[in-house]
């Protein structure tokens, strides 16, 4: 399994092969930040702004 580091709290997050796709959203289990995969060679995550993750009616 691939791993990434949460940019908010520094927690190491294990990512399944399905979660390693670019722009896949994951949640940090420690701080609950919504994150997005931005690189796949060296898995890098970034925090998603709340308005980006909001569901539209």
N, C-alpha and C. Protein backbone atom coordinates (compact mmCIF):
# COMPACT_ATOMS: atom_id res chain seq x y z
N UNK A 1 0.82 -1.18 0.00
CA UNK A 1 0.00 0.00 0.00
C UNK A 1 0.87 1.25 0.00
N UNK A 2 0.46 2.25 -0.75
CA UNK A 2 1.18 3.52 -0.79
C UNK A 2 0.82 4.35 0.44
N UNK A 3 1.71 5.26 0.77
CA UNK A 3 1.47 6.12 1.93
C UNK A 3 1.66 7.57 1.53
N UNK A 4 0.92 8.44 2.19
CA UNK A 4 1.05 9.87 2.02
C UNK A 4 1.06 10.52 3.39
N UNK A 5 1.49 11.76 3.45
CA UNK A 5 1.55 12.49 4.70
C UNK A 5 0.50 13.59 4.67
N UNK A 6 -0.32 13.67 5.71
CA UNK A 6 -1.33 14.72 5.83
C UNK A 6 -0.60 16.06 6.00
N UNK A 7 -0.87 17.05 5.14
CA UNK A 7 -0.21 18.34 5.26
C UNK A 7 -0.72 19.17 6.44
N UNK A 8 -1.82 18.75 7.04
CA UNK A 8 -2.39 19.50 8.16
C UNK A 8 -1.79 19.05 9.49
N UNK A 9 -1.77 17.73 9.73
CA UNK A 9 -1.33 17.24 11.04
C UNK A 9 -0.07 16.37 10.98
N UNK A 10 0.41 16.04 9.77
CA UNK A 10 1.62 15.24 9.64
C UNK A 10 1.42 13.74 9.78
N UNK A 11 0.18 13.29 9.90
CA UNK A 11 -0.13 11.87 10.04
C UNK A 11 0.19 11.13 8.73
N UNK A 12 0.76 9.93 8.86
CA UNK A 12 1.01 9.08 7.70
C UNK A 12 -0.28 8.34 7.36
N UNK A 13 -0.71 8.43 6.11
CA UNK A 13 -1.98 7.85 5.68
C UNK A 13 -1.70 6.76 4.65
N UNK A 14 -2.22 5.57 4.89
CA UNK A 14 -2.09 4.48 3.92
C UNK A 14 -3.18 4.63 2.87
N UNK A 15 -2.77 4.52 1.60
CA UNK A 15 -3.70 4.67 0.48
C UNK A 15 -3.77 3.37 -0.31
N UNK A 16 -4.97 2.92 -0.58
CA UNK A 16 -5.15 1.73 -1.39
C UNK A 16 -4.82 2.07 -2.84
N UNK A 17 -4.61 1.08 -3.69
CA UNK A 17 -4.34 1.36 -5.10
C UNK A 17 -5.44 2.21 -5.74
N UNK A 18 -6.64 2.01 -5.34
CA UNK A 18 -7.77 2.78 -5.88
C UNK A 18 -7.68 4.26 -5.47
N UNK A 19 -7.13 4.52 -4.29
CA UNK A 19 -7.02 5.89 -3.79
C UNK A 19 -5.80 6.63 -4.35
N UNK A 20 -4.92 5.93 -5.06
CA UNK A 20 -3.70 6.54 -5.58
C UNK A 20 -3.89 7.27 -6.89
N UNK A 21 -5.09 7.37 -7.38
CA UNK A 21 -5.33 8.07 -8.64
C UNK A 21 -5.29 9.57 -8.41
N UNK A 22 -4.77 10.34 -9.38
CA UNK A 22 -4.73 11.80 -9.22
C UNK A 22 -6.12 12.38 -8.95
N UNK A 23 -6.16 13.34 -8.06
CA UNK A 23 -7.36 14.09 -7.67
C UNK A 23 -8.39 13.26 -6.89
N UNK A 24 -7.98 12.07 -6.45
CA UNK A 24 -8.85 11.28 -5.58
C UNK A 24 -8.87 11.94 -4.21
N UNK A 25 -10.04 12.04 -3.62
CA UNK A 25 -10.17 12.66 -2.30
C UNK A 25 -10.17 11.60 -1.21
N UNK A 26 -9.42 11.90 -0.15
CA UNK A 26 -9.34 11.03 1.02
C UNK A 26 -9.48 11.90 2.26
N UNK A 27 -9.80 11.26 3.38
CA UNK A 27 -9.92 11.96 4.64
C UNK A 27 -8.86 11.46 5.60
N UNK A 28 -8.18 12.38 6.26
CA UNK A 28 -7.18 12.00 7.25
C UNK A 28 -7.91 11.43 8.46
N UNK A 29 -7.55 10.21 8.88
CA UNK A 29 -8.24 9.61 10.03
C UNK A 29 -7.93 10.31 11.36
N UNK A 30 -6.84 11.06 11.43
CA UNK A 30 -6.48 11.73 12.68
C UNK A 30 -7.18 13.09 12.83
N UNK A 31 -7.05 13.98 11.83
CA UNK A 31 -7.59 15.34 11.97
C UNK A 31 -8.85 15.57 11.14
N UNK A 32 -9.25 14.57 10.34
CA UNK A 32 -10.45 14.61 9.51
C UNK A 32 -10.42 15.66 8.41
N UNK A 33 -9.22 16.12 8.04
CA UNK A 33 -9.09 17.06 6.93
C UNK A 33 -9.41 16.33 5.63
N UNK A 34 -10.10 17.01 4.73
CA UNK A 34 -10.37 16.44 3.41
C UNK A 34 -9.17 16.76 2.53
N UNK A 35 -8.58 15.72 1.94
CA UNK A 35 -7.35 15.85 1.17
C UNK A 35 -7.55 15.34 -0.24
N UNK A 36 -6.61 15.69 -1.11
CA UNK A 36 -6.68 15.29 -2.51
C UNK A 36 -5.29 14.83 -2.95
N UNK A 37 -5.23 13.73 -3.68
CA UNK A 37 -3.96 13.23 -4.21
C UNK A 37 -3.55 14.15 -5.36
N UNK A 38 -2.33 14.71 -5.27
CA UNK A 38 -1.86 15.61 -6.32
C UNK A 38 -0.65 15.06 -7.07
N UNK A 39 0.00 14.05 -6.55
CA UNK A 39 1.10 13.37 -7.23
C UNK A 39 0.99 11.88 -6.95
N UNK A 40 1.40 11.07 -7.93
CA UNK A 40 1.31 9.63 -7.69
C UNK A 40 2.67 8.94 -7.60
N UNK A 41 3.72 9.51 -8.20
CA UNK A 41 5.04 8.89 -8.10
C UNK A 41 5.50 8.91 -6.65
N UNK A 42 5.43 10.06 -6.04
CA UNK A 42 5.67 10.23 -4.62
C UNK A 42 4.33 10.79 -4.13
N UNK A 43 3.54 9.99 -3.49
CA UNK A 43 2.19 10.42 -3.13
C UNK A 43 2.27 11.69 -2.30
N UNK A 44 1.61 12.73 -2.79
CA UNK A 44 1.56 14.02 -2.10
C UNK A 44 0.11 14.44 -1.99
N UNK A 45 -0.28 14.90 -0.81
CA UNK A 45 -1.66 15.29 -0.56
C UNK A 45 -1.74 16.78 -0.29
N UNK A 46 -2.87 17.37 -0.61
CA UNK A 46 -3.12 18.76 -0.24
C UNK A 46 -4.51 18.87 0.35
N UNK A 47 -4.70 19.88 1.19
CA UNK A 47 -6.00 20.07 1.82
C UNK A 47 -6.95 20.67 0.80
N UNK A 48 -8.20 20.21 0.83
CA UNK A 48 -9.24 20.72 -0.06
C UNK A 48 -10.02 21.78 0.70
N UNK A 49 -10.21 22.92 0.08
CA UNK A 49 -10.99 23.99 0.71
C UNK A 49 -12.43 23.52 0.88
N UNK A 50 -13.09 23.89 1.98
CA UNK A 50 -14.46 23.43 2.24
C UNK A 50 -15.42 23.68 1.09
N UNK A 51 -15.32 24.83 0.41
CA UNK A 51 -16.24 25.10 -0.69
C UNK A 51 -16.00 24.19 -1.89
N UNK A 52 -14.79 23.64 -2.04
CA UNK A 52 -14.53 22.71 -3.14
C UNK A 52 -15.21 21.37 -2.91
N UNK A 53 -15.34 20.95 -1.65
CA UNK A 53 -15.91 19.65 -1.33
C UNK A 53 -17.40 19.70 -1.07
N UNK A 54 -17.99 20.88 -1.07
CA UNK A 54 -19.42 21.01 -0.77
C UNK A 54 -20.25 20.43 -1.90
N UNK A 55 -21.25 19.69 -1.53
CA UNK A 55 -22.16 19.12 -2.53
C UNK A 55 -23.13 20.20 -2.99
N UNK A 56 -23.37 20.22 -4.28
CA UNK A 56 -24.31 21.19 -4.84
C UNK A 56 -25.66 20.53 -5.02
N UNK A 57 -26.75 21.27 -4.79
CA UNK A 57 -28.10 20.68 -4.94
C UNK A 57 -28.42 20.35 -6.37
